[in-house]
Structures are given as structure tokens and as C-alpha cells.
């Protein structure tokens, strides 16, 4: 008996719907590469990681991303204690 492989002829109905995969995507923090990971984006930018996270560095520095603290203070008409 001759085996017939059907799987070789079988194709997925929608083959072009998946995003491009980058094997070695650099993870950057402050423009410095930290590591390489697989991702669907060519580069990954992060603001906080292990070496500058307040929990691990025992600092009470509040990281303000995009002025969110100021927006909150203005919205609720609070006094800023800087």
C-alpha cells in the first residue's frame, strides 16, 4: 500500500492574517538595550524595569507618565505638594 499524505496539500483558509514575527526584538529602556525577545513589533520601549523600579530600589520616587498626576490634580482641584 502506498501512503498518501493529505496534509501536504492542505492549506489554511486565511494564510496572510498573522502579523510579522521578529525573532530578536530589542527591549529598550532610556535608549539602552536590555535584552532581546520575540515580538510582533520591531522594537519595544519600556519606562520601568527591575533596575529602576521603586519597589526594588527602595526609593519613593513617583514616576509621572505623560503628566497623569497633573491631570488628576487639575481634574479634582487638589493642591500639589511637590
N, C-alpha and C. Protein backbone atom coordinates (compact mmCIF):
# COMPACT_ATOMS: atom_id res chain seq x y z
N UNK A 1 0.82 -1.19 0.00
CA UNK A 1 0.00 0.00 0.00
C UNK A 1 0.87 1.25 0.00
N UNK A 2 0.42 2.19 -0.71
CA UNK A 2 1.13 3.45 -0.80
C UNK A 2 0.43 4.48 0.10
N UNK A 3 1.21 5.10 0.95
CA UNK A 3 0.63 6.10 1.83
C UNK A 3 0.48 7.43 1.10
N UNK A 4 -0.65 8.01 1.27
CA UNK A 4 -0.90 9.31 0.66
C UNK A 4 -0.97 10.34 1.79
N UNK A 5 -0.13 11.33 1.70
CA UNK A 5 -0.16 12.37 2.73
C UNK A 5 -1.05 13.51 2.25
N UNK A 6 -2.10 13.66 2.95
CA UNK A 6 -3.07 14.71 2.62
C UNK A 6 -2.65 16.03 3.22
N UNK A 7 -1.89 15.98 4.29
CA UNK A 7 -1.51 17.21 4.99
C UNK A 7 -0.66 18.14 4.14
N UNK A 8 0.11 17.61 3.22
CA UNK A 8 0.93 18.46 2.37
C UNK A 8 0.08 19.32 1.46
N UNK A 9 -1.05 18.83 1.05
CA UNK A 9 -1.91 19.56 0.14
C UNK A 9 -2.87 20.49 0.88
N UNK A 10 -3.04 20.24 2.16
CA UNK A 10 -3.97 21.03 2.95
C UNK A 10 -3.36 22.39 3.31
N UNK A 11 -4.05 23.46 3.03
CA UNK A 11 -3.59 24.79 3.38
C UNK A 11 -4.65 25.48 4.23
N UNK A 12 -4.19 26.42 5.02
CA UNK A 12 -5.11 27.17 5.87
C UNK A 12 -5.92 28.12 4.98
N UNK A 13 -7.20 28.35 5.32
CA UNK A 13 -8.02 29.23 4.51
C UNK A 13 -7.56 30.68 4.49
N UNK A 14 -7.05 31.17 5.61
CA UNK A 14 -6.58 32.55 5.67
C UNK A 14 -5.11 32.54 6.09
N UNK A 15 -4.23 32.51 5.14
CA UNK A 15 -2.81 32.39 5.47
C UNK A 15 -2.12 33.72 5.71
N UNK A 16 -2.67 34.83 5.27
CA UNK A 16 -2.00 36.12 5.38
C UNK A 16 -2.59 37.02 6.47
N UNK A 17 -3.16 36.44 7.53
CA UNK A 17 -3.77 37.27 8.57
C UNK A 17 -2.87 37.46 9.78
N UNK A 18 -1.77 36.74 9.87
CA UNK A 18 -0.91 36.82 11.04
C UNK A 18 0.10 37.95 10.89
N UNK A 19 0.42 38.66 11.99
CA UNK A 19 1.41 39.73 11.91
C UNK A 19 2.82 39.18 11.71
N UNK A 20 3.69 40.04 11.27
CA UNK A 20 5.09 39.64 11.07
C UNK A 20 5.73 39.39 12.43
N UNK A 21 6.54 38.35 12.54
CA UNK A 21 7.19 37.98 13.79
C UNK A 21 8.67 38.33 13.71
N UNK A 22 9.16 39.07 14.69
CA UNK A 22 10.56 39.44 14.78
C UNK A 22 11.22 38.58 15.84
N UNK A 23 12.22 37.80 15.46
CA UNK A 23 12.88 36.86 16.38
C UNK A 23 13.69 37.58 17.46
N UNK A 24 14.42 38.62 17.08
CA UNK A 24 15.30 39.31 18.03
C UNK A 24 14.89 40.78 18.14
N UNK A 25 13.83 41.04 18.88
CA UNK A 25 13.37 42.40 19.10
C UNK A 25 14.08 42.97 20.32
N UNK A 26 14.78 44.12 20.17
CA UNK A 26 15.44 44.70 21.35
C UNK A 26 14.43 45.36 22.28
N UNK A 27 14.61 45.15 23.57
CA UNK A 27 13.81 45.81 24.60
C UNK A 27 14.67 46.97 25.11
N UNK A 28 14.18 48.21 24.94
CA UNK A 28 14.95 49.40 25.27
C UNK A 28 14.35 50.13 26.47
N UNK A 29 15.22 50.60 27.35
CA UNK A 29 14.82 51.45 28.47
C UNK A 29 15.78 52.64 28.47
N UNK A 30 15.24 53.84 28.28
CA UNK A 30 16.04 55.06 28.15
C UNK A 30 17.05 54.95 27.01
N UNK A 31 16.68 54.28 25.94
CA UNK A 31 17.54 54.15 24.77
C UNK A 31 18.62 53.09 24.90
N UNK A 32 18.69 52.41 26.02
CA UNK A 32 19.71 51.38 26.23
C UNK A 32 19.08 50.01 26.08
N UNK A 33 19.69 49.13 25.29
CA UNK A 33 19.12 47.78 25.13
C UNK A 33 19.29 46.95 26.39
N UNK A 34 18.21 46.29 26.80
CA UNK A 34 18.24 45.44 27.99
C UNK A 34 18.38 43.97 27.61
N UNK A 35 17.58 43.54 26.63
CA UNK A 35 17.61 42.14 26.21
C UNK A 35 16.93 42.04 24.85
N UNK A 36 16.87 40.84 24.32
CA UNK A 36 16.21 40.58 23.05
C UNK A 36 15.13 39.53 23.28
N UNK A 37 13.95 39.76 22.71
CA UNK A 37 12.83 38.83 22.84
C UNK A 37 12.15 38.68 21.48
N UNK A 38 11.27 37.73 21.35
CA UNK A 38 10.45 37.58 20.16
C UNK A 38 9.21 38.45 20.30
N UNK A 39 8.84 39.16 19.24
CA UNK A 39 7.70 40.07 19.31
C UNK A 39 7.14 40.34 17.93
N UNK A 40 5.95 40.91 17.89
CA UNK A 40 5.37 41.33 16.62
C UNK A 40 5.72 42.78 16.30
N UNK A 41 6.49 43.44 17.17
CA UNK A 41 6.95 44.81 16.93
C UNK A 41 8.47 44.79 16.76
N UNK A 42 9.02 45.68 15.92
CA UNK A 42 10.47 45.66 15.69
C UNK A 42 11.29 46.11 16.90
N UNK A 43 10.76 47.01 17.74
CA UNK A 43 11.43 47.42 18.98
C UNK A 43 10.39 47.61 20.07
N UNK A 44 10.80 47.42 21.31
CA UNK A 44 9.91 47.61 22.46
C UNK A 44 10.54 48.64 23.39
N UNK A 45 9.79 49.70 23.72
CA UNK A 45 10.24 50.74 24.63
C UNK A 45 9.54 50.54 25.98
N UNK A 46 10.30 50.49 27.05
CA UNK A 46 9.71 50.38 28.38
C UNK A 46 10.21 51.54 29.24
N UNK A 47 9.40 51.93 30.22
CA UNK A 47 9.76 53.02 31.12
C UNK A 47 10.37 52.51 32.42
N UNK A 48 9.85 51.40 32.91
CA UNK A 48 10.30 50.87 34.20
C UNK A 48 10.70 49.42 34.03
N UNK A 49 11.80 49.05 34.65
CA UNK A 49 12.21 47.66 34.70
C UNK A 49 12.86 47.39 36.05
N UNK A 50 13.38 46.24 36.28
CA UNK A 50 13.87 45.81 37.58
C UNK A 50 14.88 46.78 38.19
N UNK A 51 15.81 47.28 37.41
CA UNK A 51 16.88 48.12 37.95
C UNK A 51 16.43 49.53 38.34
N UNK A 52 15.30 50.02 37.79
CA UNK A 52 14.86 51.36 38.17
C UNK A 52 13.44 51.37 38.75
N UNK A 53 12.92 50.22 39.14
CA UNK A 53 11.59 50.15 39.74
C UNK A 53 11.68 50.60 41.20
N UNK A 54 10.78 51.48 41.67
CA UNK A 54 10.86 51.98 43.04
C UNK A 54 10.80 50.89 44.12
N UNK A 55 10.07 49.82 43.88
CA UNK A 55 9.99 48.73 44.86
C UNK A 55 11.34 48.07 45.09
N UNK A 56 12.11 47.85 44.02
CA UNK A 56 13.38 47.15 44.13
C UNK A 56 14.53 48.08 44.48
N UNK A 57 14.38 49.38 44.25
CA UNK A 57 15.46 50.32 44.55
C UNK A 57 15.26 51.02 45.89
N UNK A 58 14.15 50.72 46.59
CA UNK A 58 13.83 51.32 47.88
C UNK A 58 13.78 52.84 47.82
N UNK A 59 13.26 53.36 46.74
CA UNK A 59 13.11 54.82 46.60
C UNK A 59 11.64 55.16 46.54
N UNK A 60 11.32 56.35 46.92
CA UNK A 60 9.94 56.82 46.91
C UNK A 60 9.71 57.77 45.74
N UNK A 61 10.44 57.61 44.69
CA UNK A 61 10.29 58.46 43.52
C UNK A 61 9.02 58.06 42.78
N UNK A 62 8.16 59.04 42.52
CA UNK A 62 6.93 58.75 41.79
C UNK A 62 7.20 58.99 40.31
N UNK A 63 6.96 58.00 39.51
CA UNK A 63 7.15 58.10 38.08
C UNK A 63 5.87 58.69 37.49
N UNK A 64 5.98 59.83 36.86
CA UNK A 64 4.83 60.50 36.27
C UNK A 64 4.88 60.28 34.77
N UNK A 65 3.96 59.50 34.27
CA UNK A 65 3.93 59.19 32.85
C UNK A 65 2.91 60.08 32.15
N UNK A 66 3.39 60.90 31.25
CA UNK A 66 2.56 61.76 30.41
C UNK A 66 1.72 62.76 31.21
N UNK A 67 2.22 63.22 32.36
CA UNK A 67 1.52 64.24 33.12
C UNK A 67 0.22 63.78 33.74
N UNK A 68 0.10 62.51 34.05
CA UNK A 68 -1.15 61.98 34.59
C UNK A 68 -1.45 62.53 35.99
N UNK A 69 -0.41 62.74 36.78
CA UNK A 69 -0.62 63.28 38.12
C UNK A 69 -1.18 64.69 38.03
N UNK A 70 -0.60 65.49 37.15
CA UNK A 70 -1.08 66.86 37.00
C UNK A 70 -2.53 66.90 36.49
N UNK A 71 -2.87 66.00 35.58
CA UNK A 71 -4.25 65.93 35.09
C UNK A 71 -5.21 65.57 36.22
N UNK A 72 -4.80 64.64 37.09
CA UNK A 72 -5.64 64.23 38.21
C UNK A 72 -5.83 65.39 39.19
N UNK A 73 -4.73 66.08 39.52
CA UNK A 73 -4.81 67.22 40.45
C UNK A 73 -5.69 68.32 39.89
N UNK A 74 -5.55 68.60 38.61
CA UNK A 74 -6.36 69.64 37.98
C UNK A 74 -7.83 69.23 37.92
N UNK A 75 -8.10 67.97 37.61
CA UNK A 75 -9.47 67.49 37.48
C UNK A 75 -10.23 67.57 38.79
N UNK A 76 -9.58 67.19 39.88
CA UNK A 76 -10.24 67.17 41.18
C UNK A 76 -9.92 68.40 42.04
N UNK A 77 -9.27 69.40 41.43
CA UNK A 77 -8.95 70.67 42.07
C UNK A 77 -8.27 70.49 43.42
N UNK A 78 -7.20 69.70 43.40
CA UNK A 78 -6.41 69.44 44.59
C UNK A 78 -5.17 70.32 44.60
N UNK A 79 -4.54 70.45 45.77
CA UNK A 79 -3.29 71.20 45.87
C UNK A 79 -2.12 70.23 45.66
N UNK A 80 -1.16 70.65 44.86
CA UNK A 80 0.01 69.82 44.60
C UNK A 80 1.02 70.02 45.71
N UNK A 81 1.50 68.96 46.30
CA UNK A 81 2.53 69.00 47.35
C UNK A 81 3.84 68.52 46.77
N UNK A 82 4.57 69.40 46.08
CA UNK A 82 5.84 68.99 45.46
C UNK A 82 6.96 69.34 46.38
